[in-house]
Amino acid sequence: MNVTGLDLLFLEVNNLEESLAFYHDDLGFETESHTPENDPPMATLRAGRLRITLAQNLETMLRRGRGAHFFLGVDDVDNYYQRLRERGVELKPPIEEGWGGRFVTLQDPDKYRFFFVTWDEK
């Protein structure tokens, strides 16, 4: 079996509308579906080949995001940083820490931590 990459993130969130605004408005992901009337309320977004499904579930965890960090590749992290800033996202400029990529990091409303990284050429 060959793993070809991360295709879907399924995240349980406290507030679907707040999370949807973060991923769509702040990060610029495309909304594929939004079904607030479902039980649980859900939305699916796309960024390139990656899909993120958000499911509003208030009972599963008191503190989300703990121990989970997501690394999403971008073509040009400096350009992506500028696009985020233009959308009003507050974050620190891209940095390199010696592990093979230049990145920016931020947290979604449920404290899931995302690294948007341009990997070093090897």
PDB file of N, CA and C in Angstrom:
ATOM      1  N   MET A   1       0.839  -1.177   0.000  1.00  0.00           N
ATOM      2  CA  MET A   1       0.000   0.000   0.000  1.00  0.00           C
ATOM      3  C   MET A   1       0.885   1.242   0.000  1.00  0.00           C
ATOM      4  N   ASN A   2       0.573   2.185  -0.869  1.00  0.00           N
ATOM      5  CA  ASN A   2       1.281   3.458  -0.922  1.00  0.00           C
ATOM      6  C   ASN A   2       0.350   4.567  -0.484  1.00  0.00           C
ATOM      7  N   VAL A   3       0.779   5.342   0.485  1.00  0.00           N
ATOM      8  CA  VAL A   3       0.017   6.514   0.896  1.00  0.00           C
ATOM      9  C   VAL A   3       0.388   7.646  -0.054  1.00  0.00           C
ATOM     10  N   THR A   4      -0.608   8.279  -0.651  1.00  0.00           N
ATOM     11  CA  THR A   4      -0.336   9.303  -1.660  1.00  0.00           C
ATOM     12  C   THR A   4      -0.420  10.720  -1.127  1.00  0.00           C
ATOM     13  N   GLY A   5      -0.812  10.888   0.121  1.00  0.00           N
ATOM     14  CA  GLY A   5      -0.890  12.216   0.702  1.00  0.00           C
ATOM     15  C   GLY A   5      -2.109  12.351   1.569  1.00  0.00           C
ATOM     16  N   LEU A   6      -2.215  13.472   2.223  1.00  0.00           N
ATOM     17  CA  LEU A   6      -3.357  13.768   3.075  1.00  0.00           C
ATOM     18  C   LEU A   6      -4.477  14.302   2.195  1.00  0.00           C
ATOM     19  N   ASP A   7      -5.604  13.608   2.170  1.00  0.00           N
ATOM     20  CA  ASP A   7      -6.707  13.983   1.302  1.00  0.00           C
ATOM     21  C   ASP A   7      -7.829  14.697   2.027  1.00  0.00           C
ATOM     22  N   LEU A   8      -8.048  14.384   3.309  1.00  0.00           N
ATOM     23  CA  LEU A   8      -9.174  14.945   4.036  1.00  0.00           C
ATOM     24  C   LEU A   8      -8.811  15.131   5.494  1.00  0.00           C
ATOM     25  N   LEU A   9      -9.136  16.289   6.029  1.00  0.00           N
ATOM     26  CA  LEU A   9      -9.097  16.516   7.471  1.00  0.00           C
ATOM     27  C   LEU A   9     -10.549  16.580   7.922  1.00  0.00           C
ATOM     28  N   PHE A  10     -10.890  15.838   8.944  1.00  0.00           N
ATOM     29  CA  PHE A  10     -12.231  15.888   9.523  1.00  0.00           C
ATOM     30  C   PHE A  10     -12.060  16.474  10.907  1.00  0.00           C
ATOM     31  N   LEU A  11     -12.585  17.689  11.111  1.00  0.00           N
ATOM     32  CA  LEU A  11     -12.385  18.390  12.369  1.00  0.00           C
ATOM     33  C   LEU A  11     -13.718  18.621  13.061  1.00  0.00           C
ATOM     34  N   GLU A  12     -13.782  18.260  14.328  1.00  0.00           N
ATOM     35  CA  GLU A  12     -14.943  18.595  15.133  1.00  0.00           C
ATOM     36  C   GLU A  12     -14.729  19.994  15.689  1.00  0.00           C
ATOM     37  N   VAL A  13     -15.740  20.845  15.552  1.00  0.00           N
ATOM     38  CA  VAL A  13     -15.609  22.240  15.936  1.00  0.00           C
ATOM     39  C   VAL A  13     -16.736  22.638  16.876  1.00  0.00           C
ATOM     40  N   ASN A  14     -16.508  23.699  17.632  1.00  0.00           N
ATOM     41  CA  ASN A  14     -17.522  24.194  18.561  1.00  0.00           C
ATOM     42  C   ASN A  14     -18.608  24.987  17.848  1.00  0.00           C
ATOM     43  N   ASN A  15     -18.221  25.796  16.856  1.00  0.00           N
ATOM     44  CA  ASN A  15     -19.166  26.680  16.184  1.00  0.00           C
ATOM     45  C   ASN A  15     -18.907  26.603  14.679  1.00  0.00           C
ATOM     46  N   LEU A  16     -19.807  25.949  13.958  1.00  0.00           N
ATOM     47  CA  LEU A  16     -19.610  25.729  12.530  1.00  0.00           C
ATOM     48  C   LEU A  16     -19.457  27.042  11.770  1.00  0.00           C
ATOM     49  N   GLU A  17     -20.310  28.020  12.043  1.00  0.00           N
ATOM     50  CA  GLU A  17     -20.272  29.267  11.284  1.00  0.00           C
ATOM     51  C   GLU A  17     -18.972  30.035  11.519  1.00  0.00           C
ATOM     52  N   GLU A  18     -18.491  30.038  12.747  1.00  0.00           N
ATOM     53  CA  GLU A  18     -17.227  30.717  13.056  1.00  0.00           C
ATOM     54  C   GLU A  18     -16.061  30.031  12.350  1.00  0.00           C
ATOM     55  N   SER A  19     -16.039  28.703  12.390  1.00  0.00           N
ATOM     56  CA  SER A  19     -14.971  27.953  11.732  1.00  0.00           C
ATOM     57  C   SER A  19     -15.041  28.087  10.219  1.00  0.00           C
ATOM     58  N   LEU A  20     -16.248  28.048   9.665  1.00  0.00           N
ATOM     59  CA  LEU A  20     -16.419  28.209   8.227  1.00  0.00           C
ATOM     60  C   LEU A  20     -15.899  29.583   7.784  1.00  0.00           C
ATOM     61  N   ALA A  21     -16.187  30.615   8.546  1.00  0.00           N
ATOM     62  CA  ALA A  21     -15.680  31.953   8.223  1.00  0.00           C
ATOM     63  C   ALA A  21     -14.157  31.974   8.239  1.00  0.00           C
ATOM     64  N   PHE A  22     -13.531  31.313   9.208  1.00  0.00           N
ATOM     65  CA  PHE A  22     -12.071  31.271   9.288  1.00  0.00           C
ATOM     66  C   PHE A  22     -11.477  30.626   8.033  1.00  0.00           C
ATOM     67  N   TYR A  23     -11.958  29.436   7.689  1.00  0.00           N
ATOM     68  CA  TYR A  23     -11.374  28.706   6.562  1.00  0.00           C
ATOM     69  C   TYR A  23     -11.716  29.348   5.220  1.00  0.00           C
ATOM     70  N   HIS A  24     -12.920  29.861   5.068  1.00  0.00           N
ATOM     71  CA  HIS A  24     -13.327  30.456   3.800  1.00  0.00           C
ATOM     72  C   HIS A  24     -12.858  31.910   3.683  1.00  0.00           C
ATOM     73  N   ASP A  25     -13.233  32.736   4.630  1.00  0.00           N
ATOM     74  CA  ASP A  25     -12.943  34.166   4.531  1.00  0.00           C
ATOM     75  C   ASP A  25     -11.478  34.493   4.800  1.00  0.00           C
ATOM     76  N   ASP A  26     -10.917  33.920   5.861  1.00  0.00           N
ATOM     77  CA  ASP A  26      -9.539  34.246   6.231  1.00  0.00           C
ATOM     78  C   ASP A  26      -8.524  33.512   5.364  1.00  0.00           C
ATOM     79  N   LEU A  27      -8.696  32.198   5.202  1.00  0.00           N
ATOM     80  CA  LEU A  27      -7.702  31.410   4.472  1.00  0.00           C
ATOM     81  C   LEU A  27      -7.995  31.305   2.981  1.00  0.00           C
ATOM     82  N   GLY A  28      -9.221  31.588   2.577  1.00  0.00           N
ATOM     83  CA  GLY A  28      -9.545  31.563   1.152  1.00  0.00           C
ATOM     84  C   GLY A  28      -9.874  30.195   0.599  1.00  0.00           C
ATOM     85  N   PHE A  29     -10.194  29.217   1.452  1.00  0.00           N
ATOM     86  CA  PHE A  29     -10.575  27.900   0.970  1.00  0.00           C
ATOM     87  C   PHE A  29     -11.946  27.990   0.306  1.00  0.00           C
ATOM     88  N   GLU A  30     -12.190  27.151  -0.691  1.00  0.00           N
ATOM     89  CA  GLU A  30     -13.455  27.123  -1.416  1.00  0.00           C
ATOM     90  C   GLU A  30     -14.466  26.252  -0.671  1.00  0.00           C
ATOM     91  N   THR A  31     -15.661  26.760  -0.472  1.00  0.00           N
ATOM     92  CA  THR A  31     -16.709  25.987   0.195  1.00  0.00           C
ATOM     93  C   THR A  31     -17.358  25.047  -0.814  1.00  0.00           C
ATOM     94  N   GLU A  32     -17.311  23.736  -0.534  1.00  0.00           N
ATOM     95  CA  GLU A  32     -17.953  22.745  -1.397  1.00  0.00           C
ATOM     96  C   GLU A  32     -19.375  22.457  -0.952  1.00  0.00           C
ATOM     97  N   SER A  33     -19.583  22.386   0.354  1.00  0.00           N
ATOM     98  CA  SER A  33     -20.929  22.140   0.870  1.00  0.00           C
ATOM     99  C   SER A  33     -21.067  22.781   2.237  1.00  0.00           C
ATOM    100  N   HIS A  34     -22.299  23.132   2.569  1.00  0.00           N
ATOM    101  CA  HIS A  34     -22.591  23.759   3.854  1.00  0.00           C
ATOM    102  C   HIS A  34     -24.000  23.328   4.231  1.00  0.00           C
ATOM    103  N   THR A  35     -24.104  22.457   5.227  1.00  0.00           N
ATOM    104  CA  THR A  35     -25.402  21.895   5.615  1.00  0.00           C
ATOM    105  C   THR A  35     -25.634  22.128   7.113  1.00  0.00           C
ATOM    106  N   PRO A  36     -25.970  23.370   7.479  1.00  0.00           N
ATOM    107  CA  PRO A  36     -26.186  23.676   8.892  1.00  0.00           C
ATOM    108  C   PRO A  36     -27.407  22.976   9.477  1.00  0.00           C
ATOM    109  N   GLU A  37     -28.315  22.493   8.616  1.00  0.00           N
ATOM    110  CA  GLU A  37     -29.514  21.811   9.100  1.00  0.00           C
ATOM    111  C   GLU A  37     -29.260  20.337   9.433  1.00  0.00           C
ATOM    112  N   ASN A  38     -28.127  19.786   9.027  1.00  0.00           N
ATOM    113  CA  ASN A  38     -27.803  18.387   9.340  1.00  0.00           C
ATOM    114  C   ASN A  38     -27.562  18.199  10.830  1.00  0.00           C
ATOM    115  N   ASP A  39     -27.578  16.966  11.249  1.00  0.00           N
ATOM    116  CA  ASP A  39     -27.233  16.623  12.629  1.00  0.00           C
ATOM    117  C   ASP A  39     -26.072  15.638  12.587  1.00  0.00           C
ATOM    118  N   PRO A  40     -24.843  16.074  12.822  1.00  0.00           N
ATOM    119  CA  PRO A  40     -24.440  17.417  13.231  1.00  0.00           C
ATOM    120  C   PRO A  40     -24.346  18.357  12.028  1.00  0.00           C
ATOM    121  N   PRO A  41     -24.420  19.665  12.280  1.00  0.00           N
ATOM    122  CA  PRO A  41     -24.195  20.642  11.211  1.00  0.00           C
ATOM    123  C   PRO A  41     -22.781  20.459  10.645  1.00  0.00           C
ATOM    124  N   MET A  42     -22.651  20.519   9.297  1.00  0.00           N
ATOM    125  CA  MET A  42     -21.361  20.251   8.663  1.00  0.00           C
ATOM    126  C   MET A  42     -21.106  21.193   7.500  1.00  0.00           C
ATOM    127  N   ALA A  43     -19.820  21.293   7.146  1.00  0.00           N
ATOM    128  CA  ALA A  43     -19.394  22.012   5.945  1.00  0.00           C
ATOM    129  C   ALA A  43     -18.120  21.342   5.442  1.00  0.00           C
ATOM    130  N   THR A  44     -17.932  21.343   4.124  1.00  0.00           N
ATOM    131  CA  THR A  44     -16.707  20.819   3.532  1.00  0.00           C
ATOM    132  C   THR A  44     -16.110  21.908   2.654  1.00  0.00           C
ATOM    133  N   LEU A  45     -14.805  22.106   2.818  1.00  0.00           N
ATOM    134  CA  LEU A  45     -14.071  23.104   2.047  1.00  0.00           C
ATOM    135  C   LEU A  45     -12.943  22.421   1.296  1.00  0.00           C
ATOM    136  N   ARG A  46     -12.402  23.105   0.292  1.00  0.00           N
ATOM    137  CA  ARG A  46     -11.310  22.552  -0.503  1.00  0.00           C
ATOM    138  C   ARG A  46     -10.210  23.591  -0.655  1.00  0.00           C
ATOM    139  N   ALA A  47      -8.975  23.096  -0.580  1.00  0.00           N
ATOM    140  CA  ALA A  47      -7.776  23.880  -0.878  1.00  0.00           C
ATOM    141  C   ALA A  47      -6.886  22.972  -1.718  1.00  0.00           C
ATOM    142  N   GLY A  48      -6.862  23.183  -3.025  1.00  0.00           N
ATOM    143  CA  GLY A  48      -6.138  22.273  -3.905  1.00  0.00           C
ATOM    144  C   GLY A  48      -6.780  20.900  -3.841  1.00  0.00           C
ATOM    145  N   ARG A  49      -5.989  19.858  -3.584  1.00  0.00           N
ATOM    146  CA  ARG A  49      -6.529  18.500  -3.478  1.00  0.00           C
ATOM    147  C   ARG A  49      -7.049  18.189  -2.087  1.00  0.00           C
ATOM    148  N   LEU A  50      -6.720  19.015  -1.116  1.00  0.00           N
ATOM    149  CA  LEU A  50      -7.112  18.769   0.269  1.00  0.00           C
ATOM    150  C   LEU A  50      -8.545  19.214   0.529  1.00  0.00           C
ATOM    151  N   ARG A  51      -9.317  18.350   1.176  1.00  0.00           N
ATOM    152  CA  ARG A  51     -10.652  18.706   1.641  1.00  0.00           C
ATOM    153  C   ARG A  51     -10.635  18.740   3.164  1.00  0.00           C
ATOM    154  N   ILE A  52     -11.352  19.700   3.727  1.00  0.00           N
ATOM    155  CA  ILE A  52     -11.520  19.798   5.176  1.00  0.00           C
ATOM    156  C   ILE A  52     -13.014  19.754   5.457  1.00  0.00           C
ATOM    157  N   THR A  53     -13.428  18.776   6.251  1.00  0.00           N
ATOM    158  CA  THR A  53     -14.823  18.699   6.667  1.00  0.00           C
ATOM    159  C   THR A  53     -14.902  19.141   8.120  1.00  0.00           C
ATOM    160  N   LEU A  54     -15.796  20.079   8.377  1.00  0.00           N
ATOM    161  CA  LEU A  54     -16.030  20.605   9.715  1.00  0.00           C
ATOM    162  C   LEU A  54     -17.366  20.063  10.204  1.00  0.00           C
ATOM    163  N   ALA A  55     -17.378  19.531  11.410  1.00  0.00           N
ATOM    164  CA  ALA A  55     -18.615  19.023  12.003  1.00  0.00           C
ATOM    165  C   ALA A  55     -18.771  19.648  13.376  1.00  0.00           C
ATOM    166  N   GLN A  56     -19.886  20.333  13.575  1.00  0.00           N
ATOM    167  CA  GLN A  56     -20.125  20.980  14.867  1.00  0.00           C
ATOM    168  C   GLN A  56     -20.532  19.921  15.879  1.00  0.00           C
ATOM    169  N   ASN A  57     -19.686  19.735  16.884  1.00  0.00           N
ATOM    170  CA  ASN A  57     -19.951  18.743  17.916  1.00  0.00           C
ATOM    171  C   ASN A  57     -19.441  19.306  19.229  1.00  0.00           C
ATOM    172  N   LEU A  58     -20.338  19.666  20.100  1.00  0.00           N
ATOM    173  CA  LEU A  58     -19.971  20.346  21.341  1.00  0.00           C
ATOM    174  C   LEU A  58     -19.596  19.406  22.474  1.00  0.00           C
ATOM    175  N   GLU A  59     -19.853  18.125  22.330  1.00  0.00           N
ATOM    176  CA  GLU A  59     -19.722  17.225  23.473  1.00  0.00           C
ATOM    177  C   GLU A  59     -18.458  16.374  23.498  1.00  0.00           C
ATOM    178  N   THR A  60     -17.661  16.364  22.443  1.00  0.00           N
ATOM    179  CA  THR A  60     -16.576  15.385  22.384  1.00  0.00           C
ATOM    180  C   THR A  60     -15.315  15.789  23.127  1.00  0.00           C
ATOM    181  N   MET A  61     -14.994  17.084  23.149  1.00  0.00           N
ATOM    182  CA  MET A  61     -13.754  17.509  23.797  1.00  0.00           C
ATOM    183  C   MET A  61     -13.960  18.863  24.451  1.00  0.00           C
ATOM    184  N   LEU A  62     -13.360  19.048  25.590  1.00  0.00           N
ATOM    185  CA  LEU A  62     -13.421  20.357  26.223  1.00  0.00           C
ATOM    186  C   LEU A  62     -12.386  21.299  25.616  1.00  0.00           C
ATOM    187  N   ARG A  63     -11.250  20.751  25.230  1.00  0.00           N
ATOM    188  CA  ARG A  63     -10.177  21.565  24.659  1.00  0.00           C
ATOM    189  C   ARG A  63      -9.717  20.924  23.356  1.00  0.00           C
ATOM    190  N   ARG A  64      -9.976  21.564  22.261  1.00  0.00           N
ATOM    191  CA  ARG A  64      -9.627  21.007  20.954  1.00  0.00           C
ATOM    192  C   ARG A  64      -8.208  21.390  20.546  1.00  0.00           C
ATOM    193  N   GLY A  65      -7.746  20.742  19.495  1.00  0.00           N
ATOM    194  CA  GLY A  65      -6.480  21.098  18.887  1.00  0.00           C
ATOM    195  C   GLY A  65      -5.267  20.551  19.606  1.00  0.00           C
ATOM    196  N   ARG A  66      -5.456  19.990  20.753  1.00  0.00           N
ATOM    197  CA  ARG A  66      -4.344  19.522  21.567  1.00  0.00           C
ATOM    198  C   ARG A  66      -3.654  18.334  20.911  1.00  0.00           C
ATOM    199  N   GLY A  67      -2.363  18.473  20.652  1.00  0.00           N
ATOM    200  CA  GLY A  67      -1.584  17.378  20.094  1.00  0.00           C
ATOM    201  C   GLY A  67      -1.728  17.187  18.603  1.00  0.00           C
ATOM    202  N   ALA A  68      -2.493  18.025  17.918  1.00  0.00           N
ATOM    203  CA  ALA A  68      -2.661  17.892  16.476  1.00  0.00           C
ATOM    204  C   ALA A  68      -2.160  19.161  15.795  1.00  0.00           C
ATOM    205  N   HIS A  69      -1.229  18.986  14.884  1.00  0.00           N
ATOM    206  CA  HIS A  69      -0.704  20.095  14.101  1.00  0.00           C
ATOM    207  C   HIS A  69      -0.734  19.661  12.650  1.00  0.00           C
ATOM    208  N   PHE A  70      -1.125  20.567  11.762  1.00  0.00           N
ATOM    209  CA  PHE A  70      -1.283  20.230  10.358  1.00  0.00           C
ATOM    210  C   PHE A  70      -0.322  21.063   9.530  1.00  0.00           C
ATOM    211  N   PHE A  71       0.407  20.407   8.639  1.00  0.00           N
ATOM    212  CA  PHE A  71       1.358  21.063   7.762  1.00  0.00           C
ATOM    213  C   PHE A  71       0.790  21.019   6.350  1.00  0.00           C
ATOM    214  N   LEU A  72       0.500  22.197   5.801  1.00  0.00           N
ATOM    215  CA  LEU A  72      -0.058  22.296   4.459  1.00  0.00           C
ATOM    216  C   LEU A  72       0.947  23.000   3.575  1.00  0.00           C
ATOM    217  N   GLY A  73       1.333  22.356   2.477  1.00  0.00           N
ATOM    218  CA  GLY A  73       2.293  22.939   1.554  1.00  0.00           C
ATOM    219  C   GLY A  73       1.672  24.053   0.724  1.00  0.00           C
ATOM    220  N   VAL A  74       2.430  25.119   0.536  1.00  0.00           N
ATOM    221  CA  VAL A  74       2.042  26.210  -0.355  1.00  0.00           C
ATOM    222  C   VAL A  74       3.216  26.500  -1.285  1.00  0.00           C
ATOM    223  N   ASP A  75       2.913  26.982  -2.501  1.00  0.00           N
ATOM    224  CA  ASP A  75       3.970  27.246  -3.485  1.00  0.00           C
ATOM    225  C   ASP A  75       4.955  28.303  -3.022  1.00  0.00           C
ATOM    226  N   ASP A  76       4.453  29.374  -2.416  1.00  0.00           N
ATOM    227  CA  ASP A  76       5.293  30.496  -2.011  1.00  0.00           C
ATOM    228  C   ASP A  76       4.749  31.054  -0.700  1.00  0.00           C
ATOM    229  N   VAL A  77       5.370  30.691   0.407  1.00  0.00           N
ATOM    230  CA  VAL A  77       4.855  31.070   1.724  1.00  0.00           C
ATOM    231  C   VAL A  77       4.850  32.579   1.922  1.00  0.00           C
ATOM    232  N   ASP A  78       5.787  33.284   1.331  1.00  0.00           N
ATOM    233  CA  ASP A  78       5.809  34.743   1.481  1.00  0.00           C
ATOM    234  C   ASP A  78       4.604  35.373   0.779  1.00  0.00           C
ATOM    235  N   ASN A  79       4.294  34.876  -0.396  1.00  0.00           N
ATOM    236  CA  ASN A  79       3.125  35.357  -1.118  1.00  0.00           C
ATOM    237  C   ASN A  79       1.847  34.993  -0.365  1.00  0.00           C
ATOM    238  N   TYR A  80       1.785  33.778   0.166  1.00  0.00           N
ATOM    239  CA  TYR A  80       0.607  33.346   0.917  1.00  0.00           C
ATOM    240  C   TYR A  80       0.426  34.208   2.175  1.00  0.00           C
ATOM    241  N   TYR A  81       1.520  34.512   2.835  1.00  0.00           N
ATOM    242  CA  TYR A  81       1.483  35.402   4.001  1.00  0.00           C
ATOM    243  C   TYR A  81       0.868  36.757   3.626  1.00  0.00           C
ATOM    244  N   GLN A  82       1.297  37.328   2.499  1.00  0.00           N
ATOM    245  CA  GLN A  82       0.763  38.620   2.067  1.00  0.00           C
ATOM    246  C   GLN A  82      -0.744  38.523   1.792  1.00  0.00           C
ATOM    247  N   ARG A  83      -1.180  37.425   1.180  1.00  0.00           N
ATOM    248  CA  ARG A  83      -2.608  37.241   0.907  1.00  0.00           C
ATOM    249  C   ARG A  83      -3.402  37.142   2.209  1.00  0.00           C
ATOM    250  N   LEU A  84      -2.851  36.449   3.202  1.00  0.00           N
ATOM    251  CA  LEU A  84      -3.530  36.357   4.498  1.00  0.00           C
ATOM    252  C   LEU A  84      -3.640  37.727   5.146  1.00  0.00           C
ATOM    253  N   ARG A  85      -2.567  38.494   5.102  1.00  0.00           N
ATOM    254  CA  ARG A  85      -2.569  39.842   5.688  1.00  0.00           C
ATOM    255  C   ARG A  85      -3.599  40.738   4.990  1.00  0.00           C
ATOM    256  N   GLU A  86      -3.706  40.610   3.665  1.00  0.00           N
ATOM    257  CA  GLU A  86      -4.692  41.391   2.916  1.00  0.00           C
ATOM    258  C   GLU A  86      -6.116  41.050   3.336  1.00  0.00           C
ATOM    259  N   ARG A  87      -6.319  39.824   3.812  1.00  0.00           N
ATOM    260  CA  ARG A  87      -7.638  39.402   4.296  1.00  0.00           C
ATOM    261  C   ARG A  87      -7.862  39.811   5.747  1.00  0.00           C
ATOM    262  N   GLY A  88      -6.878  40.451   6.353  1.00  0.00           N
ATOM    263  CA  GLY A  88      -7.010  40.915   7.724  1.00  0.00           C
ATOM    264  C   GLY A  88      -6.574  39.914   8.779  1.00  0.00           C
ATOM    265  N   VAL A  89      -5.941  38.821   8.374  1.00  0.00           N
ATOM    266  CA  VAL A  89      -5.464  37.825   9.324  1.00  0.00           C
ATOM    267  C   VAL A  89      -4.209  38.361  10.012  1.00  0.00           C
ATOM    268  N   GLU A  90      -4.193  38.307  11.326  1.00  0.00           N
ATOM    269  CA  GLU A  90      -3.021  38.748  12.079  1.00  0.00           C
ATOM    270  C   GLU A  90      -2.137  37.541  12.365  1.00  0.00           C
ATOM    271  N   LEU A  91      -0.912  37.579  11.873  1.00  0.00           N
ATOM    272  CA  LEU A  91       0.044  36.508  12.104  1.00  0.00           C
ATOM    273  C   LEU A  91       1.448  37.052  11.904  1.00  0.00           C
ATOM    274  N   LYS A  92       2.420  36.329  12.431  1.00  0.00           N
ATOM    275  CA  LYS A  92       3.819  36.725  12.326  1.00  0.00           C
ATOM    276  C   LYS A  92       4.344  36.389  10.933  1.00  0.00           C
ATOM    277  N   PRO A  93       5.361  37.129  10.452  1.00  0.00           N
ATOM    278  CA  PRO A  93       5.934  36.867   9.129  1.00  0.00           C
ATOM    279  C   PRO A  93       6.536  35.463   9.044  1.00  0.00           C
ATOM    280  N   PRO A  94       6.734  34.957   7.823  1.00  0.00           N
ATOM    281  CA  PRO A  94       7.325  33.631   7.632  1.00  0.00           C
ATOM    282  C   PRO A  94       8.703  33.525   8.278  1.00  0.00           C
ATOM    283  N   ILE A  95       8.995  32.333   8.789  1.00  0.00           N
ATOM    284  CA  ILE A  95      10.296  32.064   9.406  1.00  0.00           C
ATOM    285  C   ILE A  95      10.813  30.704   8.956  1.00  0.00           C
ATOM    286  N   GLU A  96      12.095  30.494   9.193  1.00  0.00           N
ATOM    287  CA  GLU A  96      12.737  29.201   8.979  1.00  0.00           C
ATOM    288  C   GLU A  96      13.332  28.775  10.304  1.00  0.00           C
ATOM    289  N   GLU A  97      13.143  27.516  10.651  1.00  0.00           N
ATOM    290  CA  GLU A  97      13.704  27.016  11.906  1.00  0.00           C
ATOM    291  C   GLU A  97      14.640  25.838  11.708  1.00  0.00           C
ATOM    292  N   GLY A  98      15.073  25.606  10.480  1.00  0.00           N
ATOM    293  CA  GLY A  98      16.087  24.601  10.235  1.00  0.00           C
ATOM    294  C   GLY A  98      15.584  23.177  10.046  1.00  0.00           C
ATOM    295  N   TRP A  99      14.292  22.959   9.953  1.00  0.00           N
ATOM    296  CA  TRP A  99      13.797  21.596   9.752  1.00  0.00           C
ATOM    297  C   TRP A  99      13.318  21.345   8.336  1.00  0.00           C
ATOM    298  N   GLY A 100      13.687  22.223   7.392  1.00  0.00           N
ATOM    299  CA  GLY A 100      13.429  21.926   5.989  1.00  0.00           C
ATOM    300  C   GLY A 100      12.370  22.752   5.308  1.00  0.00           C
ATOM    301  N   GLY A 101      11.919  23.824   5.939  1.00  0.00           N
ATOM    302  CA  GLY A 101      10.909  24.641   5.285  1.00  0.00           C
ATOM    303  C   GLY A 101      10.778  26.016   5.904  1.00  0.00           C
ATOM    304  N   ARG A 102      10.201  26.898   5.138  1.00  0.00           N
ATOM    305  CA  ARG A 102       9.883  28.258   5.581  1.00  0.00           C
ATOM    306  C   ARG A 102       8.376  28.288   5.768  1.00  0.00           C
ATOM    307  N   PHE A 103       7.886  28.844   6.901  1.00  0.00           N
ATOM    308  CA  PHE A 103       6.473  28.679   7.215  1.00  0.00           C
ATOM    309  C   PHE A 103       5.891  29.858   7.977  1.00  0.00           C
ATOM    310  N   VAL A 104       4.555  29.921   7.941  1.00  0.00           N
ATOM    311  CA  VAL A 104       3.763  30.751   8.837  1.00  0.00           C
ATOM    312  C   VAL A 104       2.836  29.798   9.573  1.00  0.00           C
ATOM    313  N   THR A 105       2.438  30.186  10.766  1.00  0.00           N
ATOM    314  CA  THR A 105       1.565  29.322  11.542  1.00  0.00           C
ATOM    315  C   THR A 105       0.449  30.147  12.166  1.00  0.00           C
ATOM    316  N   LEU A 106      -0.704  29.509  12.298  1.00  0.00           N
ATOM    317  CA  LEU A 106      -1.836  30.129  12.965  1.00  0.00           C
ATOM    318  C   LEU A 106      -2.772  29.057  13.475  1.00  0.00           C
ATOM    319  N   GLN A 107      -3.703  29.467  14.323  1.00  0.00           N
ATOM    320  CA  GLN A 107      -4.672  28.543  14.899  1.00  0.00           C
ATOM    321  C   GLN A 107      -6.066  28.901  14.432  1.00  0.00           C
ATOM    322  N   ASP A 108      -6.884  27.859  14.245  1.00  0.00           N
ATOM    323  CA  ASP A 108      -8.279  28.110  13.892  1.00  0.00           C
ATOM    324  C   ASP A 108      -9.056  28.387  15.176  1.00  0.00           C
ATOM    325  N   PRO A 109     -10.355  28.679  15.079  1.00  0.00           N
ATOM    326  CA  PRO A 109     -11.119  29.023  16.286  1.00  0.00           C
ATOM    327  C   PRO A 109     -11.148  27.943  17.362  1.00  0.00           C
ATOM    328  N   ASP A 110     -10.889  26.673  16.987  1.00  0.00           N
ATOM    329  CA  ASP A 110     -10.885  25.586  17.961  1.00  0.00           C
ATOM    330  C   ASP A 110      -9.484  25.201  18.412  1.00  0.00           C
ATOM    331  N   LYS A 111      -8.496  26.035  18.102  1.00  0.00           N
ATOM    332  CA  LYS A 111      -7.096  25.870  18.521  1.00  0.00           C
ATOM    333  C   LYS A 111      -6.348  24.782  17.774  1.00  0.00           C
ATOM    334  N   TYR A 112      -6.872  24.336  16.609  1.00  0.00           N
ATOM    335  CA  TYR A 112      -6.078  23.458  15.759  1.00  0.00           C
ATOM    336  C   TYR A 112      -4.984  24.318  15.142  1.00  0.00           C
ATOM    337  N   ARG A 113      -3.747  23.840  15.178  1.00  0.00           N
ATOM    338  CA  ARG A 113      -2.613  24.634  14.714  1.00  0.00           C
ATOM    339  C   ARG A 113      -2.213  24.207  13.303  1.00  0.00           C
ATOM    340  N   PHE A 114      -2.115  25.194  12.416  1.00  0.00           N
ATOM    341  CA  PHE A 114      -1.761  24.967  11.023  1.00  0.00           C
ATOM    342  C   PHE A 114      -0.439  25.634  10.690  1.00  0.00           C
ATOM    343  N   PHE A 115       0.419  24.890   9.999  1.00  0.00           N
ATOM    344  CA  PHE A 115       1.670  25.407   9.459  1.00  0.00           C
ATOM    345  C   PHE A 115       1.501  25.435   7.944  1.00  0.00           C
ATOM    346  N   PHE A 116       1.625  26.600   7.338  1.00  0.00           N
ATOM    347  CA  PHE A 116       1.624  26.725   5.885  1.00  0.00           C
ATOM    348  C   PHE A 116       3.080  26.869   5.489  1.00  0.00           C
ATOM    349  N   VAL A 117       3.596  25.881   4.747  1.00  0.00           N
ATOM    350  CA  VAL A 117       5.036  25.757   4.554  1.00  0.00           C
ATOM    351  C   VAL A 117       5.404  25.627   3.076  1.00  0.00           C
ATOM    352  N   THR A 118       6.511  26.278   2.717  1.00  0.00           N
ATOM    353  CA  THR A 118       7.170  26.037   1.460  1.00  0.00           C
ATOM    354  C   THR A 118       8.434  25.257   1.799  1.00  0.00           C
ATOM    355  N   TRP A 119       8.491  24.021   1.340  1.00  0.00           N
ATOM    356  CA  TRP A 119       9.607  23.138   1.680  1.00  0.00           C
ATOM    357  C   TRP A 119      10.855  23.523   0.920  1.00  0.00           C
ATOM    358  N   ASP A 120      12.019  23.351   1.555  1.00  0.00           N
ATOM    359  CA  ASP A 120      13.303  23.592   0.908  1.00  0.00           C
ATOM    360  C   ASP A 120      13.479  22.590  -0.209  1.00  0.00           C
ATOM    361  N   GLU A 121      14.092  23.049  -1.310  1.00  0.00           N
ATOM    362  CA  GLU A 121      14.445  22.143  -2.416  1.00  0.00           C
ATOM    363  C   GLU A 121      15.637  21.303  -2.003  1.00  0.00           C
ATOM    364  N   LYS A 122      15.579  20.017  -2.270  1.00  0.00           N
ATOM    365  CA  LYS A 122      16.700  19.135  -1.911  1.00  0.00           C
ATOM    366  C   LYS A 122      17.289  18.519  -3.129  1.00  0.00           C
TER     367      LYS A 122
END
